[in-house]
Amino acid sequence: MSDIPFDNKVSLTIEFIRKLYNTDKEFIALHEPKFIGNEKKYVNDAIDSTFVSSVGKYVDLFEKNFAQYVGAKNAVATVNGTAALHTSLIISGVQNGTEVITQPLTFIATCNAISYTGATPVFVDVDRDTLGLSPDSLEEFLREHAKIGADGFTYNKTTNKKISACVPMHTFGHPVKIDRLVEICARFNIPMIEDAAESLGSYYNGQHTGTFGDIGTFSFNGNKVLTTGGGGMIVTNDEKIARLAKHITTTARIPHPYEIAHDMVGYNYRMPNLNAALGCAQLQSLDKVLDSKKMITAEYRQFFKNIGFTFIEEPGNSRSNFWLNAIQLENIHERDTFLAATNQAGVMTRPIWKLMTELEMYKNCFCGDLSNAKWLEERVVNLPSSSLLKKQSNT
């Protein structure tokens, strides 16, 4: 039915989304949190305990349960996903004057965390099917622009700066081809940090995202599939890395019954107990949320197949959480027309991010050919993707 006029397709999409969410609300959000379990109970318990800051039983419990859920040996909770990524970069040896390879199509926090260390992002193209960092582009970039120094580390031949890490991001919950990326980075002795901020509940070849690299990081912002209000998590199978992450995120304070001393520059990045209490309850309901989102995805898939818009599917060998469902339009004119009409109708849609290389602070960063990223930027639109689970009034 691709012969349906474009304007009619847009009108049908608005009508479908309103019917899908069965709401008379003037505005349908892109992704709103759902509190359907023990959230109030656990948060009230944390308040009653008086442990509302960065010490308390819920922080420890959330870390334990989260590590178990994703299949990692260790988890360290932080105040947000950016803090988790910043800490992971420091632990991986990223320093002032080095470079970190990442993708140009990402949320700005990925690049900001790199900048906090004094390092500079280097941008490599994405794959159209995953929307994330392309192994082929990475290998081509390293072959053309990189050299391995006498110290065994990889350097940019043009800038002579050390490439100190690689940070792929699982866009909208769709896993990148992470196994190949890990293999390439290992060959060039480049530490791998997975930005899994959006991909809780996503798997590649049966393994949870965030657990392939040396370190993985997650976000629990209010718009994610699991929220703690604000929060993040570092996961790793390396006990030494986990201990250092916890030390750095608790201001590098040396344990002592009463004296206060610190042995390095640390950060006040520890997740508060109140947020962790919320996270513990959200984790208990996560599978229900993901099941609901899977049903929404199936509805979108069938609808767009019928009217002729291209629905963005999960990549091969993957199980995506479909954090944000998305479609791909024919060109930037169609994209902008679709965005204007849907938002004016009270249905929140948004374009994929501007390329990082188009932002003032990153426009002069070293990069390879970014053709795929630019192509996607001009076509991809996110759709309302909240779960359909109903809130409970007595929790």
Protein backbone atom coordinates (compact mmCIF):
# COMPACT_ATOMS: atom_id res chain seq x y z
CA MET A 1 0.00 0.00 0.00
CA SER A 2 2.94 2.30 -0.66
CA ASP A 3 0.71 4.20 -3.14
CA ILE A 4 -1.07 5.89 -0.21
CA PRO A 5 -0.30 9.63 -0.34
CA PHE A 6 2.31 10.68 2.21
CA ASP A 7 0.01 13.08 4.09
CA ASN A 8 -2.55 10.30 4.46
CA LYS A 9 0.12 7.99 5.84
CA VAL A 10 0.96 10.56 8.48
CA SER A 11 -2.71 11.01 9.43
CA LEU A 12 -3.16 7.25 9.65
CA THR A 13 -0.07 7.01 11.87
CA ILE A 14 -1.41 9.61 14.28
CA GLU A 15 -4.76 7.83 14.40
CA PHE A 16 -3.07 4.46 14.98
CA ILE A 17 -0.88 5.72 17.85
CA ARG A 18 -3.86 7.31 19.59
CA LYS A 19 -5.77 4.05 19.26
CA LEU A 20 -2.76 2.02 20.41
CA TYR A 21 -2.46 4.03 23.61
CA ASN A 22 -6.24 4.30 24.00
CA THR A 23 -6.03 7.73 25.54
CA ASP A 24 -7.88 11.00 25.33
CA LYS A 25 -4.86 12.89 26.64
CA GLU A 26 -3.91 15.82 24.47
CA PHE A 27 -0.26 14.76 24.55
CA ILE A 28 1.26 11.28 24.14
CA ALA A 29 4.83 11.20 25.46
CA LEU A 30 7.73 9.49 23.76
CA HIS A 31 8.52 7.23 26.72
CA GLU A 32 7.14 7.66 30.21
CA PRO A 33 7.99 5.59 33.31
CA LYS A 34 5.55 3.11 34.77
CA PHE A 35 5.38 2.33 38.48
CA ILE A 36 3.42 -0.89 38.84
CA GLY A 37 5.03 -2.70 41.79
CA ASN A 38 6.80 -1.97 45.07
CA GLU A 39 8.20 1.46 44.23
CA LYS A 40 6.39 3.43 46.97
CA LYS A 41 6.86 0.66 49.50
CA TYR A 42 10.62 0.47 49.02
CA VAL A 43 11.14 4.23 48.82
CA ASN A 44 9.10 4.75 52.01
CA ASP A 45 11.15 2.02 53.68
CA ALA A 46 14.35 3.82 52.69
CA ILE A 47 12.97 7.06 54.13
CA ASP A 48 11.98 5.33 57.36
CA SER A 49 15.47 3.88 57.67
CA THR A 50 16.93 7.45 57.49
CA PHE A 51 19.53 6.12 55.03
CA VAL A 52 18.52 8.24 52.07
CA SER A 53 21.92 9.16 50.66
CA SER A 54 24.73 7.01 49.23
CA VAL A 55 24.74 4.39 51.99
CA GLY A 56 21.91 1.91 52.53
CA LYS A 57 20.70 -1.60 51.93
CA TYR A 58 18.96 -0.81 48.65
CA VAL A 59 22.15 0.35 46.94
CA ASP A 60 23.83 -2.97 47.69
CA LEU A 61 20.70 -4.94 46.77
CA PHE A 62 20.21 -3.09 43.50
CA GLU A 63 23.81 -3.75 42.49
CA LYS A 64 23.53 -7.43 43.33
CA ASN A 65 20.23 -7.95 41.53
CA PHE A 66 21.26 -5.92 38.50
CA ALA A 67 24.50 -7.83 38.03
CA GLN A 68 22.53 -11.06 38.21
CA TYR A 69 19.98 -9.82 35.66
CA VAL A 70 22.54 -8.88 32.99
CA GLY A 71 24.88 -11.76 33.75
CA ALA A 72 27.85 -9.77 35.03
CA LYS A 73 29.94 -10.63 38.06
CA ASN A 74 30.00 -7.09 39.44
CA ALA A 75 27.88 -3.94 39.33
CA VAL A 76 28.55 -0.48 40.79
CA ALA A 77 25.67 2.01 41.00
CA THR A 78 26.22 5.68 40.11
CA VAL A 79 24.21 8.90 40.12
CA ASN A 80 23.62 8.76 36.36
CA GLY A 81 24.77 7.05 33.20
CA THR A 82 27.20 9.82 32.30
CA ALA A 83 28.96 9.39 35.64
CA ALA A 84 29.17 5.64 35.00
CA LEU A 85 30.76 6.25 31.62
CA HIS A 86 33.12 8.94 32.92
CA THR A 87 34.33 6.64 35.70
CA SER A 88 34.78 3.74 33.28
CA LEU A 89 36.89 5.87 30.95
CA ILE A 90 39.17 6.89 33.82
CA ILE A 91 39.58 3.28 34.92
CA SER A 92 40.40 2.27 31.35
CA GLY A 93 43.31 4.70 31.23
CA VAL A 94 41.73 7.47 29.17
CA GLN A 95 43.66 10.65 29.90
CA ASN A 96 44.14 14.21 28.78
CA GLY A 97 45.63 14.36 25.31
CA THR A 98 44.43 10.94 24.16
CA GLU A 99 41.64 9.99 21.76
CA VAL A 100 38.57 7.80 22.14
CA ILE A 101 36.81 6.24 19.15
CA THR A 102 33.03 6.43 19.20
CA GLN A 103 30.10 6.93 16.83
CA PRO A 104 28.80 10.29 15.59
CA LEU A 105 25.18 9.18 15.96
CA THR A 106 24.70 9.06 19.73
CA PHE A 107 23.35 11.01 22.67
CA ILE A 108 25.76 13.77 23.62
CA ALA A 109 26.55 12.21 27.02
CA THR A 110 28.80 9.71 25.27
CA CYS A 111 31.04 12.48 23.98
CA ASN A 112 30.72 14.68 27.05
CA ALA A 113 32.04 11.90 29.29
CA ILE A 114 35.04 11.55 26.98
CA SER A 115 35.64 15.30 27.16
CA TYR A 116 35.54 15.26 30.99
CA THR A 117 38.75 13.22 30.94
CA GLY A 118 40.52 15.72 28.68
CA ALA A 119 40.47 13.22 25.82
CA THR A 120 39.02 13.95 22.37
CA PRO A 121 36.32 11.94 20.57
CA VAL A 122 37.21 10.44 17.19
CA PHE A 123 34.20 9.57 15.06
CA VAL A 124 33.78 6.39 13.00
CA ASP A 125 30.71 5.61 10.92
CA VAL A 126 27.73 3.45 11.92
CA ASP A 127 25.93 0.57 10.21
CA ARG A 128 22.47 1.29 8.82
CA ASP A 129 21.02 -1.94 10.21
CA THR A 130 22.22 -1.47 13.82
CA LEU A 131 22.38 2.36 13.91
CA GLY A 132 25.58 1.80 15.92
CA LEU A 133 29.34 1.69 15.41
CA SER A 134 30.29 -0.29 12.30
CA PRO A 135 32.98 -2.99 12.61
CA ASP A 136 33.85 -2.60 8.91
CA SER A 137 34.24 1.16 9.29
CA LEU A 138 36.27 0.73 12.47
CA GLU A 139 38.66 -1.73 10.84
CA GLU A 140 39.03 0.45 7.76
CA PHE A 141 39.65 3.52 9.92
CA LEU A 142 42.32 1.81 11.99
CA ARG A 143 44.02 0.36 8.91
CA GLU A 144 44.18 3.80 7.31
CA HIS A 145 44.81 6.08 10.26
CA ALA A 146 46.34 4.03 13.08
CA LYS A 147 49.73 2.58 13.93
CA ILE A 148 50.83 0.37 16.81
CA GLY A 149 53.67 1.98 18.76
CA ALA A 150 56.70 0.41 20.38
CA ASP A 151 54.77 0.35 23.67
CA GLY A 152 52.11 -1.90 22.11
CA PHE A 153 49.39 0.76 22.10
CA THR A 154 47.64 2.21 19.07
CA TYR A 155 48.21 5.79 17.91
CA ASN A 156 46.54 8.05 15.38
CA LYS A 157 49.11 8.54 12.58
CA THR A 158 47.79 12.01 11.81
CA THR A 159 47.53 13.46 15.32
CA ASN A 160 50.12 11.19 16.99
CA LYS A 161 47.71 10.82 19.91
CA LYS A 162 47.14 7.51 21.67
CA ILE A 163 43.77 5.88 20.98
CA SER A 164 42.97 5.04 24.57
CA ALA A 165 39.50 3.46 24.27
CA CYS A 166 36.58 2.62 22.00
CA VAL A 167 32.97 3.37 23.04
CA PRO A 168 30.20 1.90 20.87
CA MET A 169 26.60 2.69 21.82
CA HIS A 170 23.60 0.35 21.41
CA THR A 171 21.22 2.83 19.77
CA PHE A 172 17.57 2.71 20.92
CA GLY A 173 18.34 -0.70 22.44
CA HIS A 174 19.48 -2.30 19.15
CA PRO A 175 22.74 -4.18 19.75
CA VAL A 176 25.76 -3.31 17.62
CA LYS A 177 27.85 -6.13 16.13
CA ILE A 178 29.69 -6.17 19.40
CA ASP A 179 31.61 -9.43 18.96
CA ARG A 180 33.46 -8.09 15.92
CA LEU A 181 34.11 -4.75 17.58
CA VAL A 182 35.61 -6.49 20.61
CA GLU A 183 37.84 -8.63 18.36
CA ILE A 184 39.09 -5.62 16.40
CA CYS A 185 39.81 -3.60 19.54
CA ALA A 186 41.66 -6.53 21.11
CA ARG A 187 43.87 -6.78 18.02
CA PHE A 188 44.79 -3.12 18.35
CA ASN A 189 45.05 -3.22 22.16
CA ILE A 190 42.25 -0.67 22.57
CA PRO A 191 40.08 -1.01 25.71
CA MET A 192 36.38 -1.49 24.99
CA ILE A 193 33.69 0.30 27.01
CA GLU A 194 30.10 -0.44 25.99
CA ASP A 195 27.66 2.43 26.26
CA ALA A 196 24.61 0.29 26.99
CA ALA A 197 22.62 3.24 28.38
CA GLU A 198 19.57 2.44 26.24
CA SER A 199 19.79 -1.34 25.99
CA LEU A 200 18.77 -2.90 29.30
CA GLY A 201 16.99 -6.09 28.29
CA SER A 202 18.77 -6.38 24.93
CA TYR A 203 20.86 -9.39 23.89
CA TYR A 204 23.36 -10.21 21.18
CA ASN A 205 23.85 -13.92 20.44
CA GLY A 206 22.10 -14.66 23.73
CA GLN A 207 24.43 -12.49 25.82
CA HIS A 208 23.26 -9.26 27.45
CA THR A 209 24.61 -6.00 26.09
CA GLY A 210 27.14 -4.29 28.31
CA THR A 211 28.88 -7.56 29.18
CA PHE A 212 31.07 -7.98 26.08
CA GLY A 213 33.60 -5.22 26.65
CA ASP A 214 35.99 -4.65 29.53
CA ILE A 215 33.30 -2.47 31.11
CA GLY A 216 29.66 -1.72 30.34
CA THR A 217 27.55 1.24 31.48
CA PHE A 218 23.79 1.73 31.79
CA SER A 219 21.44 4.66 32.39
CA PHE A 220 18.29 4.80 34.52
CA ASN A 221 17.03 8.21 33.48
CA GLY A 222 13.28 8.79 33.71
CA ASN A 223 12.73 7.86 30.07
CA LYS A 224 14.47 4.46 30.14
CA VAL A 225 12.87 0.99 30.41
CA LEU A 226 13.95 1.00 34.08
CA THR A 227 14.24 4.25 35.98
CA THR A 228 15.65 5.28 39.32
CA GLY A 229 14.76 8.91 38.62
CA GLY A 230 18.39 9.52 37.80
CA GLY A 231 21.04 6.87 37.98
CA GLY A 232 23.51 4.64 36.20
CA MET A 233 25.42 1.40 36.57
CA ILE A 234 28.89 0.12 35.79
CA VAL A 235 29.14 -3.63 35.11
CA THR A 236 32.27 -5.71 34.76
CA ASN A 237 33.50 -9.25 35.26
CA ASP A 238 36.80 -7.93 36.63
CA GLU A 239 36.77 -7.72 40.43
CA LYS A 240 39.70 -5.27 40.45
CA ILE A 241 37.89 -2.89 38.10
CA ALA A 242 34.74 -3.11 40.23
CA ARG A 243 36.62 -2.25 43.43
CA LEU A 244 38.32 0.71 41.76
CA ALA A 245 34.99 1.92 40.32
CA LYS A 246 33.39 1.87 43.75
CA HIS A 247 36.41 3.65 45.25
CA ILE A 248 36.45 6.41 42.63
CA THR A 249 32.69 6.98 42.85
CA THR A 250 32.80 7.35 46.65
CA THR A 251 35.29 10.27 46.56
CA ALA A 252 38.21 7.81 46.86
CA ARG A 253 37.76 7.76 50.61
CA ILE A 254 40.02 5.35 52.49
CA PRO A 255 37.91 3.01 54.68
CA HIS A 256 38.30 3.82 58.38
CA PRO A 257 35.95 3.74 61.38
CA TYR A 258 36.10 7.52 61.87
CA GLU A 259 39.01 9.23 60.09
CA ILE A 260 38.37 10.88 56.75
CA ALA A 261 41.17 10.61 54.21
CA HIS A 262 41.41 10.11 50.45
CA ASP A 263 44.18 8.63 48.30
CA MET A 264 43.33 9.96 44.83
CA VAL A 265 41.03 12.35 42.99
CA GLY A 266 37.59 10.83 43.31
CA TYR A 267 34.01 11.80 42.53
CA ASN A 268 30.79 11.98 44.49
CA TYR A 269 29.10 9.67 42.01
CA ARG A 270 27.53 7.05 44.29
CA MET A 271 23.82 6.35 43.76
CA PRO A 272 21.64 7.44 46.71
CA ASN A 273 19.67 4.79 48.60
CA LEU A 274 16.36 6.44 47.67
CA ASN A 275 17.07 6.03 43.97
CA ALA A 276 18.28 2.47 44.48
CA ALA A 277 15.05 1.60 46.32
CA LEU A 278 13.12 2.71 43.27
CA GLY A 279 15.48 0.68 41.08
CA CYS A 280 14.98 -2.50 43.10
CA ALA A 281 11.23 -2.28 42.59
CA GLN A 282 11.57 -1.42 38.90
CA LEU A 283 13.86 -4.37 38.31
CA GLN A 284 11.21 -6.72 39.70
CA SER A 285 8.77 -5.51 37.02
CA LEU A 286 11.25 -5.20 34.16
CA ASP A 287 10.31 -8.38 32.33
CA LYS A 288 6.64 -7.35 32.35
CA VAL A 289 7.59 -3.95 30.91
CA LEU A 290 9.71 -5.55 28.20
CA ASP A 291 6.90 -7.97 27.30
CA SER A 292 4.50 -5.04 26.97
CA LYS A 293 6.96 -3.17 24.77
CA LYS A 294 7.38 -6.27 22.62
CA MET A 295 3.62 -6.26 21.99
CA ILE A 296 3.75 -2.57 21.03
CA THR A 297 6.58 -3.29 18.61
CA ALA A 298 4.55 -6.06 16.98
CA GLU A 299 1.62 -3.66 16.52
CA TYR A 300 3.87 -1.01 14.98
CA ARG A 301 5.56 -3.54 12.72
CA GLN A 302 2.27 -4.75 11.24
CA PHE A 303 0.83 -1.26 10.89
CA PHE A 304 3.81 0.17 9.01
CA LYS A 305 4.01 -2.90 6.81
CA ASN A 306 0.44 -2.19 5.75
CA ILE A 307 0.88 1.50 4.97
CA GLY A 308 4.37 1.35 3.49
CA PHE A 309 6.63 3.15 5.98
CA THR A 310 9.91 1.37 6.80
CA PHE A 311 9.94 0.15 10.41
CA ILE A 312 13.40 -0.22 11.97
CA GLU A 313 13.80 -3.84 13.04
CA GLU A 314 16.22 -5.41 15.48
CA PRO A 315 19.49 -6.42 13.79
CA GLY A 316 20.48 -10.01 13.09
CA ASN A 317 21.52 -12.27 15.99
CA SER A 318 19.91 -9.80 18.36
CA ARG A 319 17.02 -9.39 20.74
CA SER A 320 16.30 -5.71 21.19
CA ASN A 321 14.39 -4.11 24.04
CA PHE A 322 12.96 -1.67 21.44
CA TRP A 323 13.43 1.14 23.95
CA LEU A 324 12.30 3.58 21.28
CA ASN A 325 10.53 2.31 18.19
CA ALA A 326 11.52 4.12 15.03
CA ILE A 327 10.75 4.43 11.35
CA GLN A 328 12.90 5.43 8.42
CA LEU A 329 11.46 7.95 5.97
CA GLU A 330 12.55 8.61 2.38
CA ASN A 331 14.37 11.90 2.89
CA ILE A 332 14.80 14.87 5.21
CA HIS A 333 11.75 16.65 3.76
CA GLU A 334 9.50 13.71 4.63
CA ARG A 335 11.14 13.50 8.06
CA ASP A 336 10.50 17.15 8.87
CA THR A 337 6.93 17.05 7.55
CA PHE A 338 6.19 13.95 9.65
CA LEU A 339 7.72 15.52 12.79
CA ALA A 340 5.79 18.75 12.41
CA ALA A 341 2.42 17.06 11.80
CA THR A 342 2.66 14.48 14.60
CA ASN A 343 3.88 16.89 17.25
CA GLN A 344 1.26 19.45 16.29
CA ALA A 345 -1.32 16.68 16.79
CA GLY A 346 -0.04 15.99 20.31
CA VAL A 347 1.82 12.80 19.42
CA MET A 348 5.43 13.19 20.46
CA THR A 349 7.93 12.10 17.84
CA ARG A 350 11.51 13.20 17.48
CA PRO A 351 14.37 12.92 14.99
CA ILE A 352 17.43 10.88 15.75
CA TRP A 353 20.18 13.07 17.23
CA LYS A 354 22.16 15.60 15.26
CA LEU A 355 25.53 14.16 14.39
CA MET A 356 28.10 15.03 17.04
CA THR A 357 30.29 16.46 14.28
CA GLU A 358 27.60 19.08 13.62
CA LEU A 359 27.79 20.42 17.18
CA GLU A 360 30.05 23.38 17.86
CA MET A 361 32.18 21.64 20.51
CA TYR A 362 32.86 18.53 18.42
CA LYS A 363 32.82 19.83 14.84
CA ASN A 364 36.62 19.85 14.55
CA CYS A 365 37.18 16.33 15.91
CA PHE A 366 39.03 13.81 13.76
CA CYS A 367 36.69 11.50 11.87
CA GLY A 368 36.39 9.03 9.05
CA ASP A 369 33.74 8.88 6.35
CA LEU A 370 30.35 9.29 8.03
CA SER A 371 28.02 8.64 5.10
CA ASN A 372 25.76 6.14 6.87
CA ALA A 373 25.38 8.32 9.95
CA LYS A 374 24.40 11.31 7.81
CA TRP A 375 21.96 9.19 5.80
CA LEU A 376 20.24 7.98 8.98
CA GLU A 377 20.20 11.45 10.55
CA GLU A 378 18.09 12.70 7.65
CA ARG A 379 15.53 9.87 7.84
CA VAL A 380 15.05 8.29 11.28
CA VAL A 381 12.14 9.29 13.53
CA ASN A 382 11.30 7.92 17.00
CA LEU A 383 7.72 7.07 17.98
CA PRO A 384 5.88 6.88 21.32
CA SER A 385 7.11 3.68 22.97
CA SER A 386 5.88 3.64 26.57
CA SER A 387 4.71 0.28 27.86
CA LEU A 388 0.96 -0.27 28.08
CA LEU A 389 1.06 -1.47 31.68
CA LYS A 390 -1.33 0.37 33.96
CA LYS A 391 -0.20 2.24 37.03
CA GLN A 392 -1.36 0.95 40.37
CA SER A 393 -2.84 3.52 42.73
CA ASN A 394 -2.17 1.55 45.92
CA THR A 395 1.64 1.09 45.63
